Amino acid sequence: MLFSCLEKLRQKGIIQRKDGASRNIAILPIGYDLLGSPSLVPFLGVSAAGAPIEAIEITGEWRKVPGNVARLESDIFMLRIYGDSMINAGIDDGDIVLVQTKKEFISGEVVLAEVSGDTTIKRFISEDKPPYVYLKPENPKYQNILFTDETELKGKVISVLKNNYWKSIK
């Protein structure tokens, strides 16, 4: 009975179910609209804006986001930033960023990247001249990170929380 109710909600676009995952039901934007409640996204932990560090995961914490952000089709999540390598993009130490999971990226986007198992926030650059593809910090104190087989882009940073307001990325 419960499964059939959940399946009906999924078919109507109110919830999303992910097979094989714990806590595998997410309320979609239309569901929040029907409930008259602000949208929530998971707060997943901490990532570096500096040298890549091991991501620190926080489970079970959800935070409110503006309705227009929550209406994105793909998965979104929040991370707290540790470091100062992205200050010229408006991302400071201690800020919270909103990340949209993606599979394709455009040169110039600010991204969450995994480098040899550690994560960092940098600007993705793809050019027709060497070094061709790299991650660029937005602070002159830091060096570019060249792409290797152990570099993977995980998502695009779409907004930063500053003074309790979501702002676009420079």
N, C-alpha and C. Protein backbone atom coordinates (compact mmCIF):
# COMPACT_ATOMS: atom_id res chain seq x y z
N MET A 1 0.83 -1.19 0.00
CA MET A 1 0.00 0.00 0.00
C MET A 1 0.89 1.26 0.00
N LEU A 2 1.88 1.30 0.90
CA LEU A 2 2.76 2.46 0.95
C LEU A 2 3.50 2.63 -0.37
N PHE A 3 3.99 1.51 -0.94
CA PHE A 3 4.71 1.59 -2.21
C PHE A 3 3.83 2.17 -3.30
N SER A 4 2.56 1.77 -3.38
CA SER A 4 1.68 2.27 -4.43
C SER A 4 1.41 3.76 -4.25
N CYS A 5 1.30 4.23 -2.99
CA CYS A 5 1.11 5.67 -2.74
C CYS A 5 2.35 6.45 -3.18
N LEU A 6 3.53 5.95 -2.84
CA LEU A 6 4.76 6.60 -3.24
C LEU A 6 4.91 6.61 -4.76
N GLU A 7 4.53 5.53 -5.40
CA GLU A 7 4.62 5.45 -6.86
C GLU A 7 3.69 6.48 -7.51
N LYS A 8 2.51 6.67 -6.96
CA LYS A 8 1.58 7.68 -7.50
C LYS A 8 2.16 9.08 -7.35
N LEU A 9 2.78 9.37 -6.20
CA LEU A 9 3.41 10.67 -5.99
C LEU A 9 4.57 10.87 -6.97
N ARG A 10 5.32 9.81 -7.24
CA ARG A 10 6.43 9.89 -8.19
C ARG A 10 5.91 10.16 -9.59
N GLN A 11 4.85 9.47 -10.00
CA GLN A 11 4.28 9.64 -11.33
C GLN A 11 3.72 11.05 -11.54
N LYS A 12 3.25 11.67 -10.47
CA LYS A 12 2.70 13.04 -10.57
C LYS A 12 3.80 14.11 -10.47
N GLY A 13 5.05 13.68 -10.30
CA GLY A 13 6.16 14.63 -10.24
C GLY A 13 6.28 15.35 -8.91
N ILE A 14 5.73 14.77 -7.84
CA ILE A 14 5.77 15.40 -6.52
C ILE A 14 7.00 14.96 -5.74
N ILE A 15 7.42 13.71 -5.94
CA ILE A 15 8.63 13.20 -5.29
C ILE A 15 9.53 12.55 -6.33
N GLN A 16 10.77 12.35 -5.93
CA GLN A 16 11.73 11.62 -6.75
C GLN A 16 12.30 10.51 -5.89
N ARG A 17 12.38 9.31 -6.45
CA ARG A 17 12.96 8.18 -5.71
C ARG A 17 14.23 7.74 -6.40
N LYS A 18 15.26 7.44 -5.59
CA LYS A 18 16.53 6.96 -6.12
C LYS A 18 16.73 5.54 -5.63
N ASP A 19 16.82 4.61 -6.56
CA ASP A 19 17.00 3.21 -6.20
C ASP A 19 18.37 2.97 -5.56
N GLY A 20 18.39 2.11 -4.57
CA GLY A 20 19.64 1.68 -3.97
C GLY A 20 20.30 2.67 -3.04
N ALA A 21 19.57 3.70 -2.62
CA ALA A 21 20.17 4.69 -1.72
C ALA A 21 19.33 4.81 -0.46
N SER A 22 20.00 5.04 0.67
CA SER A 22 19.24 5.30 1.88
C SER A 22 18.67 6.71 1.78
N ARG A 23 17.59 6.95 2.46
CA ARG A 23 16.90 8.24 2.35
C ARG A 23 16.69 8.58 0.89
N ASN A 24 16.06 7.67 0.16
CA ASN A 24 16.00 7.79 -1.29
C ASN A 24 14.79 8.52 -1.82
N ILE A 25 14.05 9.23 -1.00
CA ILE A 25 12.89 9.99 -1.47
C ILE A 25 13.17 11.47 -1.26
N ALA A 26 13.00 12.25 -2.32
CA ALA A 26 13.17 13.70 -2.25
C ALA A 26 11.90 14.36 -2.74
N ILE A 27 11.48 15.41 -2.06
CA ILE A 27 10.32 16.18 -2.49
C ILE A 27 10.77 17.13 -3.58
N LEU A 28 10.07 17.12 -4.71
CA LEU A 28 10.40 18.00 -5.83
C LEU A 28 9.71 19.35 -5.63
N PRO A 29 10.13 20.38 -6.40
CA PRO A 29 9.58 21.72 -6.20
C PRO A 29 8.06 21.80 -6.18
N ILE A 30 7.38 21.08 -7.05
CA ILE A 30 5.92 21.11 -7.05
C ILE A 30 5.36 20.59 -5.73
N GLY A 31 6.05 19.64 -5.12
CA GLY A 31 5.63 19.12 -3.83
C GLY A 31 5.71 20.18 -2.75
N TYR A 32 6.79 20.96 -2.75
CA TYR A 32 6.91 22.05 -1.79
C TYR A 32 5.83 23.10 -2.02
N ASP A 33 5.53 23.37 -3.31
CA ASP A 33 4.46 24.32 -3.62
C ASP A 33 3.13 23.83 -3.07
N LEU A 34 2.82 22.55 -3.25
CA LEU A 34 1.57 21.98 -2.75
C LEU A 34 1.49 22.04 -1.23
N LEU A 35 2.65 21.87 -0.57
CA LEU A 35 2.70 21.93 0.89
C LEU A 35 2.74 23.36 1.41
N GLY A 36 3.00 24.34 0.54
CA GLY A 36 3.14 25.72 0.97
C GLY A 36 4.36 25.93 1.83
N SER A 37 5.41 25.20 1.51
CA SER A 37 6.61 25.21 2.33
C SER A 37 7.81 25.59 1.47
N PRO A 38 8.82 26.28 2.04
CA PRO A 38 10.02 26.60 1.25
C PRO A 38 10.80 25.34 0.92
N SER A 39 11.47 25.37 -0.21
CA SER A 39 12.26 24.22 -0.65
C SER A 39 13.49 24.04 0.22
N LEU A 40 13.90 22.78 0.37
CA LEU A 40 15.09 22.43 1.14
C LEU A 40 16.06 21.69 0.25
N VAL A 41 17.35 21.89 0.48
CA VAL A 41 18.38 21.11 -0.20
C VAL A 41 19.36 20.61 0.84
N PRO A 42 20.03 19.49 0.55
CA PRO A 42 20.96 18.95 1.54
C PRO A 42 22.23 19.79 1.68
N PHE A 43 22.68 19.91 2.91
CA PHE A 43 23.97 20.54 3.22
C PHE A 43 24.95 19.39 3.40
N LEU A 44 25.85 19.22 2.44
CA LEU A 44 26.68 18.01 2.39
C LEU A 44 28.01 18.10 3.10
N GLY A 45 28.47 19.28 3.45
CA GLY A 45 29.74 19.32 4.18
C GLY A 45 30.61 20.49 3.80
N VAL A 46 31.92 20.26 3.79
CA VAL A 46 32.92 21.30 3.59
C VAL A 46 33.80 20.94 2.41
N SER A 47 34.16 21.94 1.61
CA SER A 47 35.11 21.74 0.53
C SER A 47 36.11 22.89 0.55
N ALA A 48 37.24 22.69 -0.09
CA ALA A 48 38.31 23.68 -0.09
C ALA A 48 38.14 24.70 -1.20
N ALA A 49 38.58 25.88 -0.93
CA ALA A 49 38.87 26.89 -1.95
C ALA A 49 40.31 27.27 -1.64
N GLY A 50 41.19 26.46 -2.07
CA GLY A 50 42.63 26.52 -1.79
C GLY A 50 43.18 25.21 -2.31
N ALA A 51 44.12 24.64 -1.63
CA ALA A 51 44.61 23.32 -2.01
C ALA A 51 43.49 22.31 -1.78
N PRO A 52 43.33 21.33 -2.68
CA PRO A 52 42.28 20.34 -2.49
C PRO A 52 42.42 19.63 -1.14
N ILE A 53 41.29 19.43 -0.47
CA ILE A 53 41.27 18.72 0.81
C ILE A 53 40.23 17.62 0.75
N GLU A 54 40.33 16.71 1.67
CA GLU A 54 39.32 15.66 1.78
C GLU A 54 38.01 16.32 2.17
N ALA A 55 36.95 15.99 1.42
CA ALA A 55 35.64 16.57 1.73
C ALA A 55 35.17 16.06 3.08
N ILE A 56 34.61 16.94 3.87
CA ILE A 56 34.05 16.56 5.17
C ILE A 56 32.55 16.48 5.00
N GLU A 57 31.99 15.31 5.20
CA GLU A 57 30.57 15.11 4.95
C GLU A 57 29.76 15.35 6.22
N ILE A 58 28.64 16.04 6.05
CA ILE A 58 27.67 16.25 7.12
C ILE A 58 26.37 15.62 6.63
N THR A 59 25.87 14.66 7.36
CA THR A 59 24.67 13.99 6.90
C THR A 59 23.46 14.42 7.71
N GLY A 60 22.31 14.42 7.04
CA GLY A 60 21.06 14.67 7.72
C GLY A 60 20.71 16.14 7.92
N GLU A 61 21.49 17.06 7.38
CA GLU A 61 21.18 18.48 7.56
C GLU A 61 20.64 19.04 6.25
N TRP A 62 19.52 19.75 6.32
CA TRP A 62 18.88 20.37 5.15
C TRP A 62 18.70 21.84 5.43
N ARG A 63 18.78 22.67 4.39
CA ARG A 63 18.63 24.11 4.54
C ARG A 63 17.68 24.65 3.48
N LYS A 64 17.02 25.78 3.81
CA LYS A 64 16.09 26.42 2.89
C LYS A 64 16.85 27.13 1.77
N VAL A 65 16.25 27.12 0.57
CA VAL A 65 16.78 27.88 -0.55
C VAL A 65 15.62 28.61 -1.23
N PRO A 66 15.91 29.67 -1.98
CA PRO A 66 14.85 30.37 -2.69
C PRO A 66 14.15 29.45 -3.69
N GLY A 67 12.87 29.69 -3.92
CA GLY A 67 12.07 28.85 -4.81
C GLY A 67 12.63 28.75 -6.21
N ASN A 68 13.16 29.86 -6.77
CA ASN A 68 13.67 29.80 -8.14
C ASN A 68 14.90 28.90 -8.23
N VAL A 69 15.69 28.80 -7.19
CA VAL A 69 16.85 27.91 -7.18
C VAL A 69 16.41 26.47 -7.05
N ALA A 70 15.41 26.21 -6.22
CA ALA A 70 14.96 24.84 -5.99
C ALA A 70 14.27 24.25 -7.20
N ARG A 71 13.88 25.06 -8.16
CA ARG A 71 13.17 24.55 -9.33
C ARG A 71 14.11 23.95 -10.38
N LEU A 72 15.39 23.94 -10.11
CA LEU A 72 16.34 23.34 -11.05
C LEU A 72 16.03 21.86 -11.22
N GLU A 73 16.21 21.37 -12.41
CA GLU A 73 15.87 19.98 -12.72
C GLU A 73 16.82 18.96 -12.08
N SER A 74 18.09 19.31 -11.95
CA SER A 74 19.05 18.32 -11.44
C SER A 74 19.27 18.49 -9.94
N ASP A 75 20.05 17.60 -9.39
CA ASP A 75 20.34 17.63 -7.95
C ASP A 75 21.15 18.86 -7.60
N ILE A 76 20.81 19.47 -6.47
CA ILE A 76 21.57 20.59 -5.95
C ILE A 76 21.88 20.32 -4.49
N PHE A 77 22.98 20.88 -4.01
CA PHE A 77 23.37 20.70 -2.62
C PHE A 77 24.25 21.87 -2.20
N MET A 78 24.45 22.01 -0.89
CA MET A 78 25.27 23.10 -0.36
C MET A 78 26.56 22.58 0.25
N LEU A 79 27.58 23.43 0.20
CA LEU A 79 28.87 23.14 0.84
C LEU A 79 29.38 24.41 1.51
N ARG A 80 30.02 24.26 2.66
CA ARG A 80 30.71 25.39 3.28
C ARG A 80 32.13 25.40 2.71
N ILE A 81 32.63 26.60 2.43
CA ILE A 81 33.95 26.75 1.81
C ILE A 81 35.00 27.05 2.87
N TYR A 82 36.13 26.37 2.73
CA TYR A 82 37.28 26.58 3.59
C TYR A 82 38.44 27.03 2.70
N GLY A 83 38.91 28.25 2.90
CA GLY A 83 40.05 28.75 2.12
C GLY A 83 39.74 30.03 1.38
N ASP A 84 40.79 30.61 0.76
CA ASP A 84 40.64 31.92 0.14
C ASP A 84 41.05 31.96 -1.33
N SER A 85 41.10 30.82 -2.00
CA SER A 85 41.57 30.83 -3.39
C SER A 85 40.54 31.36 -4.38
N MET A 86 39.30 31.60 -3.94
CA MET A 86 38.27 32.07 -4.86
C MET A 86 37.73 33.45 -4.48
N ILE A 87 38.51 34.23 -3.73
CA ILE A 87 38.03 35.52 -3.25
C ILE A 87 37.68 36.50 -4.37
N ASN A 88 38.40 36.46 -5.49
CA ASN A 88 38.11 37.37 -6.60
C ASN A 88 36.87 36.95 -7.38
N ALA A 89 36.31 35.79 -7.08
CA ALA A 89 35.03 35.35 -7.66
C ALA A 89 33.90 35.61 -6.66
N GLY A 90 34.24 36.22 -5.52
CA GLY A 90 33.22 36.53 -4.52
C GLY A 90 32.91 35.40 -3.57
N ILE A 91 33.80 34.40 -3.50
CA ILE A 91 33.63 33.28 -2.58
C ILE A 91 34.72 33.37 -1.53
N ASP A 92 34.32 33.64 -0.30
CA ASP A 92 35.27 33.83 0.80
C ASP A 92 35.26 32.64 1.76
N ASP A 93 36.30 32.55 2.57
CA ASP A 93 36.41 31.53 3.60
C ASP A 93 35.17 31.57 4.49
N GLY A 94 34.52 30.43 4.68
CA GLY A 94 33.33 30.34 5.53
C GLY A 94 32.02 30.51 4.80
N ASP A 95 32.04 30.95 3.54
CA ASP A 95 30.81 31.09 2.77
C ASP A 95 30.18 29.72 2.49
N ILE A 96 28.91 29.75 2.20
CA ILE A 96 28.19 28.55 1.76
C ILE A 96 27.88 28.72 0.29
N VAL A 97 28.17 27.69 -0.51
CA VAL A 97 27.87 27.73 -1.94
C VAL A 97 26.81 26.68 -2.27
N LEU A 98 26.06 26.99 -3.31
CA LEU A 98 25.05 26.07 -3.83
C LEU A 98 25.62 25.46 -5.10
N VAL A 99 25.64 24.12 -5.15
CA VAL A 99 26.26 23.41 -6.26
C VAL A 99 25.20 22.60 -6.99
N GLN A 100 25.20 22.70 -8.32
CA GLN A 100 24.29 21.93 -9.17
C GLN A 100 25.09 20.80 -9.81
N THR A 101 24.66 19.57 -9.59
CA THR A 101 25.32 18.42 -10.19
C THR A 101 25.13 18.47 -11.70
N LYS A 102 26.24 18.31 -12.44
CA LYS A 102 26.20 18.35 -13.90
C LYS A 102 27.15 17.30 -14.46
N LYS A 103 26.97 17.02 -15.75
CA LYS A 103 27.88 16.11 -16.44
C LYS A 103 28.72 16.84 -17.48
N GLU A 104 28.23 18.00 -17.96
CA GLU A 104 28.95 18.77 -18.97
C GLU A 104 29.20 20.17 -18.44
N PHE A 105 30.38 20.71 -18.75
CA PHE A 105 30.79 22.00 -18.21
C PHE A 105 31.30 22.90 -19.32
N ILE A 106 31.17 24.21 -19.10
CA ILE A 106 31.62 25.22 -20.05
C ILE A 106 32.81 25.95 -19.44
N SER A 107 33.80 26.22 -20.27
CA SER A 107 34.97 26.94 -19.80
C SER A 107 34.54 28.25 -19.16
N GLY A 108 35.11 28.55 -17.99
CA GLY A 108 34.79 29.77 -17.27
C GLY A 108 33.85 29.55 -16.09
N GLU A 109 33.20 28.39 -16.01
CA GLU A 109 32.30 28.11 -14.90
C GLU A 109 33.09 27.83 -13.63
N VAL A 110 32.54 28.23 -12.49
CA VAL A 110 33.12 27.88 -11.19
C VAL A 110 32.57 26.50 -10.84
N VAL A 111 33.47 25.57 -10.51
CA VAL A 111 33.07 24.18 -10.35
C VAL A 111 33.56 23.59 -9.03
N LEU A 112 32.90 22.51 -8.64
CA LEU A 112 33.38 21.63 -7.58
C LEU A 112 34.11 20.51 -8.29
N ALA A 113 35.40 20.38 -8.00
CA ALA A 113 36.21 19.36 -8.66
C ALA A 113 36.79 18.40 -7.62
N GLU A 114 36.94 17.17 -8.05
CA GLU A 114 37.63 16.16 -7.23
C GLU A 114 38.99 15.94 -7.87
N VAL A 115 40.05 16.12 -7.08
CA VAL A 115 41.42 15.96 -7.56
C VAL A 115 42.09 14.92 -6.69
N SER A 116 42.37 13.76 -7.26
CA SER A 116 43.01 12.66 -6.52
C SER A 116 42.27 12.34 -5.22
N GLY A 117 40.94 12.36 -5.27
CA GLY A 117 40.13 11.99 -4.11
C GLY A 117 39.78 13.13 -3.18
N ASP A 118 40.39 14.31 -3.35
CA ASP A 118 40.09 15.48 -2.53
C ASP A 118 39.27 16.47 -3.35
N THR A 119 38.55 17.37 -2.69
CA THR A 119 37.70 18.31 -3.42
C THR A 119 38.21 19.74 -3.30
N THR A 120 37.85 20.54 -4.30
CA THR A 120 38.20 21.95 -4.32
C THR A 120 37.20 22.70 -5.19
N ILE A 121 37.08 23.99 -4.94
CA ILE A 121 36.26 24.88 -5.76
C ILE A 121 37.22 25.74 -6.57
N LYS A 122 37.07 25.73 -7.89
CA LYS A 122 37.94 26.51 -8.79
C LYS A 122 37.16 26.87 -10.05
N ARG A 123 37.74 27.73 -10.87
CA ARG A 123 37.17 28.05 -12.18
C ARG A 123 37.71 27.04 -13.19
N PHE A 124 36.82 26.42 -13.95
CA PHE A 124 37.19 25.45 -14.98
C PHE A 124 37.58 26.21 -16.24
N ILE A 125 38.78 25.91 -16.77
CA ILE A 125 39.27 26.57 -17.98
C ILE A 125 39.65 25.50 -19.01
N SER A 126 39.14 25.68 -20.23
CA SER A 126 39.48 24.81 -21.35
C SER A 126 39.86 25.72 -22.52
N GLU A 127 41.13 25.62 -22.98
CA GLU A 127 41.64 26.50 -24.04
C GLU A 127 42.23 25.69 -25.18
N ASP A 128 42.50 26.37 -26.28
CA ASP A 128 43.11 25.73 -27.45
C ASP A 128 44.64 25.74 -27.41
N LYS A 129 45.21 26.25 -26.32
CA LYS A 129 46.67 26.32 -26.19
C LYS A 129 47.07 25.72 -24.84
N PRO A 130 48.31 25.28 -24.71
CA PRO A 130 48.73 24.68 -23.43
C PRO A 130 48.54 25.66 -22.28
N PRO A 131 48.16 25.20 -21.14
CA PRO A 131 48.02 23.82 -20.70
C PRO A 131 46.68 23.18 -21.04
N TYR A 132 45.88 23.75 -21.93
CA TYR A 132 44.63 23.24 -22.46
C TYR A 132 43.51 23.19 -21.43
N VAL A 133 43.58 22.30 -20.45
CA VAL A 133 42.49 22.15 -19.48
C VAL A 133 43.07 22.20 -18.07
N TYR A 134 42.51 23.12 -17.25
CA TYR A 134 43.02 23.27 -15.88
C TYR A 134 41.96 23.92 -15.00
N LEU A 135 42.25 23.91 -13.71
CA LEU A 135 41.40 24.57 -12.71
C LEU A 135 42.14 25.82 -12.26
N LYS A 136 41.45 26.96 -12.34
CA LYS A 136 42.10 28.24 -12.07
C LYS A 136 41.56 28.83 -10.76
N PRO A 137 42.45 29.13 -9.82
CA PRO A 137 42.03 29.83 -8.62
C PRO A 137 41.75 31.31 -8.94
N GLU A 138 40.94 31.94 -8.14
CA GLU A 138 40.64 33.37 -8.32
C GLU A 138 41.33 34.17 -7.22
N ASN A 139 42.59 33.84 -6.98
CA ASN A 139 43.44 34.54 -6.04
C ASN A 139 44.87 34.33 -6.55
N PRO A 140 45.62 35.41 -6.83
CA PRO A 140 46.95 35.25 -7.42
C PRO A 140 47.96 34.51 -6.54
N LYS A 141 47.64 34.28 -5.26
CA LYS A 141 48.55 33.53 -4.38
C LYS A 141 48.62 32.05 -4.75
N TYR A 142 47.66 31.57 -5.53
CA TYR A 142 47.55 30.13 -5.81
C TYR A 142 47.88 29.82 -7.27
N GLN A 143 48.36 28.60 -7.49
CA GLN A 143 48.72 28.12 -8.82
C GLN A 143 47.54 27.37 -9.46
N ASN A 144 47.53 27.35 -10.80
CA ASN A 144 46.56 26.54 -11.52
C ASN A 144 46.76 25.07 -11.18
N ILE A 145 45.69 24.31 -11.28
CA ILE A 145 45.76 22.86 -11.09
C ILE A 145 45.50 22.22 -12.45
N LEU A 146 46.51 21.54 -12.99
CA LEU A 146 46.37 20.91 -14.29
C LEU A 146 45.51 19.66 -14.19
N PHE A 147 44.71 19.42 -15.22
CA PHE A 147 43.88 18.22 -15.26
C PHE A 147 44.75 16.98 -15.44
N THR A 148 44.38 15.93 -14.73
CA THR A 148 45.02 14.62 -14.89
C THR A 148 43.90 13.59 -14.99
N ASP A 149 44.27 12.33 -15.08
CA ASP A 149 43.27 11.25 -15.08
C ASP A 149 42.54 11.18 -13.75
N GLU A 150 43.08 11.78 -12.71
CA GLU A 150 42.48 11.74 -11.39
C GLU A 150 41.69 13.01 -11.06
N THR A 151 41.37 13.82 -12.09
CA THR A 151 40.57 15.03 -11.91
C THR A 151 39.18 14.79 -12.47
N GLU A 152 38.17 15.11 -11.68
CA GLU A 152 36.79 14.92 -12.13
C GLU A 152 35.95 16.11 -11.67
N LEU A 153 35.18 16.68 -12.60
CA LEU A 153 34.28 17.76 -12.26
C LEU A 153 32.98 17.17 -11.73
N LYS A 154 32.53 17.67 -10.58
CA LYS A 154 31.35 17.11 -9.91
C LYS A 154 30.11 17.98 -10.06
N GLY A 155 30.30 19.30 -10.12
CA GLY A 155 29.14 20.18 -10.21
C GLY A 155 29.55 21.62 -10.44
N LYS A 156 28.56 22.43 -10.80
CA LYS A 156 28.76 23.85 -11.04
C LYS A 156 28.27 24.64 -9.84
N VAL A 157 29.09 25.57 -9.36
CA VAL A 157 28.70 26.46 -8.28
C VAL A 157 27.78 27.51 -8.89
N ILE A 158 26.53 27.58 -8.41
CA ILE A 158 25.56 28.49 -9.03
C ILE A 158 25.24 29.70 -8.18
N SER A 159 25.58 29.65 -6.89
CA SER A 159 25.25 30.77 -6.02
C SER A 159 26.08 30.69 -4.74
N VAL A 160 26.24 31.85 -4.09
CA VAL A 160 26.96 31.91 -2.82
C VAL A 160 26.10 32.67 -1.82
N LEU A 161 26.07 32.19 -0.59
CA LEU A 161 25.30 32.83 0.47
C LEU A 161 26.16 33.88 1.16
N LYS A 162 25.75 35.15 1.04
CA LYS A 162 26.47 36.28 1.63
C LYS A 162 25.48 37.12 2.43
N ASN A 163 25.75 37.35 3.70
CA ASN A 163 24.89 38.17 4.54
C ASN A 163 23.43 37.74 4.46
N ASN A 164 23.21 36.43 4.50
CA ASN A 164 21.88 35.82 4.46
C ASN A 164 21.14 36.02 3.14
N TYR A 165 21.85 36.37 2.06
CA TYR A 165 21.24 36.49 0.74
C TYR A 165 22.04 35.66 -0.25
N TRP A 166 21.33 34.98 -1.16
CA TRP A 166 21.98 34.22 -2.20
C TRP A 166 22.39 35.18 -3.32
N LYS A 167 23.66 35.11 -3.72
CA LYS A 167 24.18 36.00 -4.77
C LYS A 167 24.79 35.14 -5.88
N SER A 168 24.76 35.68 -7.10
CA SER A 168 25.35 34.96 -8.22
C SER A 168 26.87 35.01 -8.13
N ILE A 169 27.50 34.08 -8.82
CA ILE A 169 28.96 33.97 -8.85
C ILE A 169 29.51 34.92 -9.92
N LYS A 170 30.63 35.58 -9.62
CA LYS A 170 31.27 36.49 -10.59
C LYS A 170 31.93 35.71 -11.68
